Amino acid sequence: MITISPRPVKRNWSTISFASTLYLCPILDLLLAEVPCKLHAELRLGLQEALVNAAKHGNNLDPSKIVIVRFSLEDNHYWWAISDQGCGFTPPCEYHADKSAYLPPEEAESGRGLCILHEIFDRVHWNSQGTELKLGKQVNRFRLPLVS
């Protein structure tokens, strides 16, 4: 079940919550509805990675636990805050300009998600408990015509 909360008056954030599942197509469609089409493929990959991590690793695919996504557009910046009901993890404590620092060893079967998130989003931040991830992507929505 997907629950959508409308934006409160004078606030920019909307909320979607859903039971832990890997069937994410309708959720991703809702989260990308107001995003320019040229960014859909890239952001869909990043958001899918974050949602899978919340449902699978955070909530252990327990259908009684939910994933909550708050999303907004503020000053040419798209924001998504993804929360799970898991016990959390120890998030990386610092940002590395070299995104390859997030790559796991080649023999690892998982862990590439951090690298994907840092490659796609401008802002990647976890809360101190490791149960909420905030992602940001800056976009230039308005372009001025070139003056000759």
C-alpha atoms as a PDB file:
ATOM      1  CA  MET A   1       0.000   0.000   0.000  1.00  0.00           C
ATOM      2  CA  ILE A   2       1.240   3.488  -0.894  1.00  0.00           C
ATOM      3  CA  THR A   3       0.164   6.500   1.130  1.00  0.00           C
ATOM      4  CA  ILE A   4       0.572   9.976  -0.328  1.00  0.00           C
ATOM      5  CA  SER A   5       0.235  13.010   1.900  1.00  0.00           C
ATOM      6  CA  PRO A   6      -0.486  16.301   0.154  1.00  0.00           C
ATOM      7  CA  ARG A   7       1.769  19.260   0.772  1.00  0.00           C
ATOM      8  CA  PRO A   8       0.670  21.153   3.862  1.00  0.00           C
ATOM      9  CA  VAL A   9      -0.294  24.757   3.281  1.00  0.00           C
ATOM     10  CA  LYS A  10       2.763  27.042   3.027  1.00  0.00           C
ATOM     11  CA  ARG A  11       5.163  24.071   2.999  1.00  0.00           C
ATOM     12  CA  ASN A  12       7.008  22.584   0.058  1.00  0.00           C
ATOM     13  CA  TRP A  13       7.425  18.997   1.254  1.00  0.00           C
ATOM     14  CA  SER A  14       5.198  16.111   0.173  1.00  0.00           C
ATOM     15  CA  THR A  15       5.322  12.641   1.712  1.00  0.00           C
ATOM     16  CA  ILE A  16       4.945   9.119   0.348  1.00  0.00           C
ATOM     17  CA  SER A  17       5.084   6.057   2.578  1.00  0.00           C
ATOM     18  CA  PHE A  18       4.921   2.417   1.612  1.00  0.00           C
ATOM     19  CA  ALA A  19       5.335  -1.036   3.110  1.00  0.00           C
ATOM     20  CA  SER A  20       8.798  -2.498   2.556  1.00  0.00           C
ATOM     21  CA  THR A  21       8.873  -3.938  -0.941  1.00  0.00           C
ATOM     22  CA  LEU A  22      11.151  -4.087  -3.950  1.00  0.00           C
ATOM     23  CA  TYR A  23       8.261  -3.286  -6.312  1.00  0.00           C
ATOM     24  CA  LEU A  24       9.204   0.363  -6.650  1.00  0.00           C
ATOM     25  CA  CYS A  25       8.037   1.408 -10.137  1.00  0.00           C
ATOM     26  CA  PRO A  26       4.894   3.303  -9.036  1.00  0.00           C
ATOM     27  CA  ILE A  27       6.775   4.972  -6.186  1.00  0.00           C
ATOM     28  CA  LEU A  28       9.612   6.080  -8.455  1.00  0.00           C
ATOM     29  CA  ASP A  29       7.072   7.410 -10.984  1.00  0.00           C
ATOM     30  CA  LEU A  30       5.467   9.531  -8.253  1.00  0.00           C
ATOM     31  CA  LEU A  31       8.812  10.802  -6.960  1.00  0.00           C
ATOM     32  CA  LEU A  32       9.911  11.850 -10.454  1.00  0.00           C
ATOM     33  CA  ALA A  33       6.598  13.339 -11.616  1.00  0.00           C
ATOM     34  CA  GLU A  34       7.787  16.957 -11.347  1.00  0.00           C
ATOM     35  CA  VAL A  35      11.379  16.329 -12.430  1.00  0.00           C
ATOM     36  CA  PRO A  36      12.441  17.262 -15.990  1.00  0.00           C
ATOM     37  CA  CYS A  37      12.390  14.204 -18.290  1.00  0.00           C
ATOM     38  CA  LYS A  38      16.075  14.557 -19.176  1.00  0.00           C
ATOM     39  CA  LEU A  39      16.963  13.740 -15.547  1.00  0.00           C
ATOM     40  CA  HIS A  40      14.566  10.795 -15.095  1.00  0.00           C
ATOM     41  CA  ALA A  41      16.918   7.915 -15.972  1.00  0.00           C
ATOM     42  CA  GLU A  42      19.761   9.143 -13.776  1.00  0.00           C
ATOM     43  CA  LEU A  43      17.600  10.066 -10.792  1.00  0.00           C
ATOM     44  CA  ARG A  44      15.508   6.899 -11.107  1.00  0.00           C
ATOM     45  CA  LEU A  45      18.687   4.832 -10.721  1.00  0.00           C
ATOM     46  CA  GLY A  46      19.797   6.779  -7.660  1.00  0.00           C
ATOM     47  CA  LEU A  47      16.396   6.833  -5.976  1.00  0.00           C
ATOM     48  CA  GLN A  48      15.888   3.143  -6.688  1.00  0.00           C
ATOM     49  CA  GLU A  49      19.207   2.374  -5.024  1.00  0.00           C
ATOM     50  CA  ALA A  50      18.255   4.418  -1.956  1.00  0.00           C
ATOM     51  CA  LEU A  51      14.752   2.909  -1.710  1.00  0.00           C
ATOM     52  CA  VAL A  52      16.029  -0.653  -2.127  1.00  0.00           C
ATOM     53  CA  ASN A  53      18.568  -0.027   0.638  1.00  0.00           C
ATOM     54  CA  ALA A  54      15.844   1.322   2.964  1.00  0.00           C
ATOM     55  CA  ALA A  55      13.411  -1.551   2.295  1.00  0.00           C
ATOM     56  CA  LYS A  56      15.928  -4.396   2.051  1.00  0.00           C
ATOM     57  CA  HIS A  57      18.784  -3.486   4.390  1.00  0.00           C
ATOM     58  CA  GLY A  58      16.955  -1.108   6.723  1.00  0.00           C
ATOM     59  CA  ASN A  59      13.613  -2.850   7.100  1.00  0.00           C
ATOM     60  CA  ASN A  60      14.725  -6.388   6.094  1.00  0.00           C
ATOM     61  CA  LEU A  61      11.786  -6.455   3.630  1.00  0.00           C
ATOM     62  CA  ASP A  62       9.439  -6.719   6.617  1.00  0.00           C
ATOM     63  CA  PRO A  63       6.025  -5.721   5.211  1.00  0.00           C
ATOM     64  CA  SER A  64       4.947  -4.450   8.629  1.00  0.00           C
ATOM     65  CA  LYS A  65       7.666  -1.777   8.448  1.00  0.00           C
ATOM     66  CA  ILE A  66       7.377   1.252   6.206  1.00  0.00           C
ATOM     67  CA  VAL A  67       9.673   3.448   4.188  1.00  0.00           C
ATOM     68  CA  ILE A  68       8.855   7.150   4.284  1.00  0.00           C
ATOM     69  CA  VAL A  69       9.975   9.531   1.542  1.00  0.00           C
ATOM     70  CA  ARG A  70       9.618  13.290   1.880  1.00  0.00           C
ATOM     71  CA  PHE A  71      10.366  15.262  -1.270  1.00  0.00           C
ATOM     72  CA  SER A  72      10.515  18.877  -2.340  1.00  0.00           C
ATOM     73  CA  LEU A  73      11.798  21.420  -4.830  1.00  0.00           C
ATOM     74  CA  GLU A  74      13.440  24.440  -3.215  1.00  0.00           C
ATOM     75  CA  ASP A  75      15.458  27.065  -5.070  1.00  0.00           C
ATOM     76  CA  ASN A  76      16.355  24.872  -8.078  1.00  0.00           C
ATOM     77  CA  HIS A  77      17.274  21.982  -5.816  1.00  0.00           C
ATOM     78  CA  TYR A  78      15.322  18.733  -5.663  1.00  0.00           C
ATOM     79  CA  TRP A  79      15.377  17.032  -2.258  1.00  0.00           C
ATOM     80  CA  TRP A  80      14.413  13.546  -1.117  1.00  0.00           C
ATOM     81  CA  ALA A  81      14.572  12.406   2.518  1.00  0.00           C
ATOM     82  CA  ILE A  82      14.232   8.618   2.810  1.00  0.00           C
ATOM     83  CA  SER A  83      13.619   7.043   6.229  1.00  0.00           C
ATOM     84  CA  ASP A  84      13.314   3.426   7.265  1.00  0.00           C
ATOM     85  CA  GLN A  85      12.345   1.715  10.524  1.00  0.00           C
ATOM     86  CA  GLY A  86      15.470  -0.402  10.779  1.00  0.00           C
ATOM     87  CA  CYS A  87      18.113  -0.283  13.486  1.00  0.00           C
ATOM     88  CA  GLY A  88      20.364   1.890  11.315  1.00  0.00           C
ATOM     89  CA  PHE A  89      23.977   1.620  10.321  1.00  0.00           C
ATOM     90  CA  THR A  90      27.100   3.658  10.824  1.00  0.00           C
ATOM     91  CA  PRO A  91      27.067   6.145   7.969  1.00  0.00           C
ATOM     92  CA  PRO A  92      30.263   7.472   6.415  1.00  0.00           C
ATOM     93  CA  CYS A  93      31.442  10.344   8.585  1.00  0.00           C
ATOM     94  CA  GLU A  94      33.010  12.458   5.886  1.00  0.00           C
ATOM     95  CA  TYR A  95      32.524  13.399   2.271  1.00  0.00           C
ATOM     96  CA  HIS A  96      35.174  12.308  -0.204  1.00  0.00           C
ATOM     97  CA  ALA A  97      35.597  14.411  -3.347  1.00  0.00           C
ATOM     98  CA  ASP A  98      37.008  11.263  -4.939  1.00  0.00           C
ATOM     99  CA  LYS A  99      33.831   9.224  -5.422  1.00  0.00           C
ATOM    100  CA  SER A 100      35.862   6.057  -5.989  1.00  0.00           C
ATOM    101  CA  ALA A 101      36.546   6.125  -2.228  1.00  0.00           C
ATOM    102  CA  TYR A 102      33.006   4.737  -1.819  1.00  0.00           C
ATOM    103  CA  LEU A 103      33.602   1.739  -4.089  1.00  0.00           C
ATOM    104  CA  PRO A 104      33.736  -1.590  -2.245  1.00  0.00           C
ATOM    105  CA  PRO A 105      36.450  -4.138  -3.002  1.00  0.00           C
ATOM    106  CA  GLU A 106      35.924  -5.873  -6.365  1.00  0.00           C
ATOM    107  CA  GLU A 107      35.095  -9.180  -4.719  1.00  0.00           C
ATOM    108  CA  ALA A 108      32.250  -7.642  -2.662  1.00  0.00           C
ATOM    109  CA  GLU A 109      28.754  -8.618  -3.775  1.00  0.00           C
ATOM    110  CA  SER A 110      27.140  -5.424  -2.504  1.00  0.00           C
ATOM    111  CA  GLY A 111      28.097  -1.944  -1.404  1.00  0.00           C
ATOM    112  CA  ARG A 112      28.274  -0.124  -4.712  1.00  0.00           C
ATOM    113  CA  GLY A 113      25.223   1.908  -3.750  1.00  0.00           C
ATOM    114  CA  LEU A 114      27.233   4.571  -1.937  1.00  0.00           C
ATOM    115  CA  CYS A 115      29.281   5.215  -5.043  1.00  0.00           C
ATOM    116  CA  ILE A 116      26.142   5.399  -7.200  1.00  0.00           C
ATOM    117  CA  LEU A 117      24.470   7.843  -4.804  1.00  0.00           C
ATOM    118  CA  HIS A 118      27.506  10.113  -4.666  1.00  0.00           C
ATOM    119  CA  GLU A 119      27.861  10.004  -8.440  1.00  0.00           C
ATOM    120  CA  ILE A 120      24.235  10.996  -9.128  1.00  0.00           C
ATOM    121  CA  PHE A 121      23.352  13.404  -6.314  1.00  0.00           C
ATOM    122  CA  ASP A 122      25.018  16.654  -5.302  1.00  0.00           C
ATOM    123  CA  ARG A 123      24.137  16.131  -1.648  1.00  0.00           C
ATOM    124  CA  VAL A 124      24.168  12.791   0.176  1.00  0.00           C
ATOM    125  CA  HIS A 125      23.734  12.919   3.937  1.00  0.00           C
ATOM    126  CA  TRP A 126      22.652  10.383   6.588  1.00  0.00           C
ATOM    127  CA  ASN A 127      21.360  11.217  10.023  1.00  0.00           C
ATOM    128  CA  SER A 128      23.545  10.094  12.919  1.00  0.00           C
ATOM    129  CA  GLN A 129      21.486   6.914  13.464  1.00  0.00           C
ATOM    130  CA  GLY A 130      21.826   5.837   9.818  1.00  0.00           C
ATOM    131  CA  THR A 131      18.038   5.560   9.392  1.00  0.00           C
ATOM    132  CA  GLU A 132      17.421   8.612   7.216  1.00  0.00           C
ATOM    133  CA  LEU A 133      19.150   9.573   3.996  1.00  0.00           C
ATOM    134  CA  LYS A 134      18.788  13.037   2.493  1.00  0.00           C
ATOM    135  CA  LEU A 135      19.565  13.368  -1.207  1.00  0.00           C
ATOM    136  CA  GLY A 136      19.782  16.593  -3.199  1.00  0.00           C
ATOM    137  CA  LYS A 137      20.156  17.380  -6.874  1.00  0.00           C
ATOM    138  CA  GLN A 138      20.594  20.905  -8.174  1.00  0.00           C
ATOM    139  CA  VAL A 139      18.968  21.691 -11.499  1.00  0.00           C
ATOM    140  CA  ASN A 140      18.934  24.742 -13.697  1.00  0.00           C
ATOM    141  CA  ARG A 141      15.236  24.989 -14.441  1.00  0.00           C
ATOM    142  CA  PHE A 142      15.405  28.350 -16.159  1.00  0.00           C
ATOM    143  CA  ARG A 143      17.909  29.152 -18.847  1.00  0.00           C
ATOM    144  CA  LEU A 144      18.380  32.600 -20.222  1.00  0.00           C
ATOM    145  CA  PRO A 145      18.748  32.865 -23.971  1.00  0.00           C
ATOM    146  CA  LEU A 146      22.260  33.549 -25.221  1.00  0.00           C
ATOM    147  CA  VAL A 147      22.794  37.159 -26.206  1.00  0.00           C
ATOM    148  CA  SER A 148      24.619  37.648 -29.489  1.00  0.00           C
END
